[in-house]
N, C-alpha and C. Protein backbone atom coordinates (compact mmCIF):
# COMPACT_ATOMS: atom_id res chain seq x y z
N MET A 1 29.71 -25.97 20.46
CA MET A 1 28.29 -26.20 20.55
C MET A 1 27.68 -26.04 19.15
N ALA A 2 26.90 -26.97 18.75
CA ALA A 2 26.30 -26.96 17.42
C ALA A 2 25.05 -26.10 17.40
N ARG A 3 24.92 -25.35 16.33
CA ARG A 3 23.72 -24.55 16.15
C ARG A 3 22.93 -25.13 14.99
N TYR A 4 21.66 -25.34 15.22
CA TYR A 4 20.80 -25.90 14.19
C TYR A 4 19.97 -24.78 13.60
N VAL A 5 20.06 -24.64 12.30
CA VAL A 5 19.32 -23.60 11.59
C VAL A 5 18.23 -24.28 10.77
N TYR A 6 16.99 -23.84 10.99
CA TYR A 6 15.87 -24.42 10.24
C TYR A 6 15.82 -23.79 8.86
N ARG A 7 15.89 -24.63 7.85
CA ARG A 7 15.77 -24.14 6.48
C ARG A 7 14.50 -24.71 5.87
N ARG A 8 13.71 -23.83 5.28
CA ARG A 8 12.46 -24.25 4.66
C ARG A 8 12.76 -25.07 3.39
N ASN A 9 11.93 -26.06 3.16
CA ASN A 9 12.06 -26.91 1.99
C ASN A 9 11.85 -26.08 0.72
N TRP A 10 12.55 -26.44 -0.35
CA TRP A 10 12.43 -25.68 -1.60
C TRP A 10 11.02 -25.79 -2.16
N PHE A 11 10.38 -26.93 -2.00
CA PHE A 11 9.00 -27.08 -2.47
C PHE A 11 8.06 -26.17 -1.68
N GLY A 12 8.31 -26.03 -0.40
CA GLY A 12 7.49 -25.13 0.42
C GLY A 12 7.65 -23.68 0.00
N ARG A 13 8.87 -23.29 -0.37
CA ARG A 13 9.09 -21.92 -0.83
C ARG A 13 8.33 -21.65 -2.13
N ILE A 14 8.42 -22.58 -3.06
CA ILE A 14 7.71 -22.41 -4.34
C ILE A 14 6.20 -22.35 -4.10
N LEU A 15 5.70 -23.23 -3.23
CA LEU A 15 4.28 -23.23 -2.93
C LEU A 15 3.86 -21.92 -2.26
N LEU A 16 4.70 -21.40 -1.39
CA LEU A 16 4.41 -20.13 -0.73
C LEU A 16 4.29 -18.99 -1.74
N VAL A 17 5.20 -18.96 -2.72
CA VAL A 17 5.15 -17.91 -3.75
C VAL A 17 3.90 -18.07 -4.61
N LEU A 18 3.59 -19.31 -4.99
CA LEU A 18 2.43 -19.54 -5.85
C LEU A 18 1.11 -19.22 -5.15
N VAL A 19 1.05 -19.37 -3.84
CA VAL A 19 -0.16 -19.03 -3.10
C VAL A 19 -0.22 -17.54 -2.83
N SER A 20 0.93 -16.91 -2.58
CA SER A 20 0.91 -15.50 -2.19
C SER A 20 0.60 -14.57 -3.36
N ILE A 21 0.95 -14.94 -4.58
CA ILE A 21 0.69 -14.06 -5.74
C ILE A 21 -0.80 -13.81 -5.93
N PRO A 22 -1.68 -14.83 -5.97
CA PRO A 22 -3.11 -14.52 -6.09
C PRO A 22 -3.67 -13.77 -4.89
N LEU A 23 -3.15 -14.06 -3.69
CA LEU A 23 -3.64 -13.33 -2.52
C LEU A 23 -3.29 -11.86 -2.59
N ILE A 24 -2.07 -11.54 -2.99
CA ILE A 24 -1.66 -10.13 -3.13
C ILE A 24 -2.49 -9.46 -4.21
N ALA A 25 -2.74 -10.15 -5.32
CA ALA A 25 -3.56 -9.58 -6.39
C ALA A 25 -4.98 -9.33 -5.92
N PHE A 26 -5.55 -10.28 -5.17
CA PHE A 26 -6.92 -10.12 -4.69
C PHE A 26 -7.04 -8.94 -3.74
N PHE A 27 -6.16 -8.88 -2.74
CA PHE A 27 -6.25 -7.79 -1.77
C PHE A 27 -5.90 -6.44 -2.40
N GLY A 28 -5.00 -6.44 -3.37
CA GLY A 28 -4.71 -5.20 -4.09
C GLY A 28 -5.92 -4.70 -4.86
N ARG A 29 -6.66 -5.63 -5.47
CA ARG A 29 -7.87 -5.25 -6.20
C ARG A 29 -8.94 -4.71 -5.24
N GLN A 30 -9.08 -5.34 -4.08
CA GLN A 30 -10.06 -4.87 -3.11
C GLN A 30 -9.72 -3.46 -2.61
N VAL A 31 -8.45 -3.23 -2.32
CA VAL A 31 -8.02 -1.90 -1.87
C VAL A 31 -8.25 -0.88 -2.98
N TYR A 32 -7.97 -1.27 -4.23
CA TYR A 32 -8.18 -0.37 -5.37
C TYR A 32 -9.65 0.03 -5.48
N TYR A 33 -10.55 -0.95 -5.35
CA TYR A 33 -11.98 -0.64 -5.48
C TYR A 33 -12.49 0.20 -4.30
N TRP A 34 -11.89 0.06 -3.12
CA TRP A 34 -12.31 0.88 -1.98
C TRP A 34 -11.75 2.28 -2.07
N LEU A 35 -10.53 2.44 -2.61
CA LEU A 35 -9.90 3.75 -2.63
C LEU A 35 -10.27 4.58 -3.84
N LEU A 36 -10.66 3.95 -4.92
CA LEU A 36 -10.95 4.69 -6.15
C LEU A 36 -12.04 5.74 -5.96
N PRO A 37 -13.16 5.48 -5.28
CA PRO A 37 -14.16 6.54 -5.08
C PRO A 37 -13.66 7.67 -4.17
N LEU A 38 -12.65 7.42 -3.36
CA LEU A 38 -12.16 8.45 -2.46
C LEU A 38 -11.13 9.37 -3.09
N LEU A 39 -10.59 9.01 -4.25
CA LEU A 39 -9.55 9.82 -4.86
C LEU A 39 -9.99 11.25 -5.19
N PRO A 40 -11.20 11.49 -5.73
CA PRO A 40 -11.61 12.89 -5.95
C PRO A 40 -11.71 13.70 -4.66
N VAL A 41 -12.13 13.07 -3.59
CA VAL A 41 -12.23 13.77 -2.31
C VAL A 41 -10.83 14.14 -1.81
N VAL A 42 -9.90 13.21 -1.90
CA VAL A 42 -8.53 13.48 -1.48
C VAL A 42 -7.90 14.59 -2.33
N ALA A 43 -8.14 14.54 -3.62
CA ALA A 43 -7.61 15.59 -4.51
C ALA A 43 -8.22 16.95 -4.18
N ALA A 44 -9.51 17.00 -3.92
CA ALA A 44 -10.15 18.26 -3.59
C ALA A 44 -9.63 18.83 -2.28
N VAL A 45 -9.46 17.99 -1.28
CA VAL A 45 -8.94 18.45 0.01
C VAL A 45 -7.51 18.94 -0.14
N THR A 46 -6.71 18.25 -0.93
CA THR A 46 -5.32 18.67 -1.14
C THR A 46 -5.26 20.02 -1.84
N ILE A 47 -6.05 20.20 -2.88
CA ILE A 47 -6.07 21.48 -3.59
C ILE A 47 -6.55 22.59 -2.67
N PHE A 48 -7.57 22.31 -1.88
CA PHE A 48 -8.09 23.30 -0.94
C PHE A 48 -7.01 23.71 0.07
N MET A 49 -6.28 22.75 0.59
CA MET A 49 -5.24 23.07 1.57
C MET A 49 -4.12 23.89 0.96
N VAL A 50 -3.72 23.56 -0.27
CA VAL A 50 -2.66 24.32 -0.94
C VAL A 50 -3.13 25.74 -1.21
N LEU A 51 -4.34 25.89 -1.71
CA LEU A 51 -4.85 27.25 -1.98
C LEU A 51 -5.03 28.04 -0.69
N TRP A 52 -5.46 27.39 0.37
CA TRP A 52 -5.60 28.05 1.67
C TRP A 52 -4.25 28.54 2.17
N TRP A 53 -3.23 27.68 2.02
CA TRP A 53 -1.89 28.06 2.45
C TRP A 53 -1.35 29.23 1.63
N VAL A 54 -1.58 29.21 0.31
CA VAL A 54 -1.11 30.31 -0.55
C VAL A 54 -1.84 31.61 -0.22
N ALA A 55 -3.13 31.53 0.06
CA ALA A 55 -3.90 32.74 0.28
C ALA A 55 -3.64 33.35 1.65
N PHE A 56 -3.40 32.53 2.67
CA PHE A 56 -3.33 33.07 4.02
C PHE A 56 -1.96 32.96 4.69
N ARG A 57 -0.92 32.71 3.92
CA ARG A 57 0.40 32.68 4.55
C ARG A 57 0.85 34.11 4.84
N ARG A 58 1.68 34.22 5.85
CA ARG A 58 2.15 35.56 6.23
C ARG A 58 3.26 36.00 5.30
N ARG A 59 3.21 37.24 4.94
CA ARG A 59 4.29 37.79 4.09
C ARG A 59 5.09 38.73 4.95
N TYR A 60 6.41 38.47 5.01
CA TYR A 60 7.28 39.33 5.81
C TYR A 60 8.00 40.33 4.96
């Protein structure tokens, strides 16, 4: 029994790469601009949690 495997055209692959690079760059930039203002908050919460753990851990 013959099995048919669909192979994408080489031109389609090149076109897919050329279209996906600007899309990845655009969405990466959008995520960067949304996350950049939140980085100080995340850093402060992380430092607070570490200091809380150091101050209130049980000593045996």
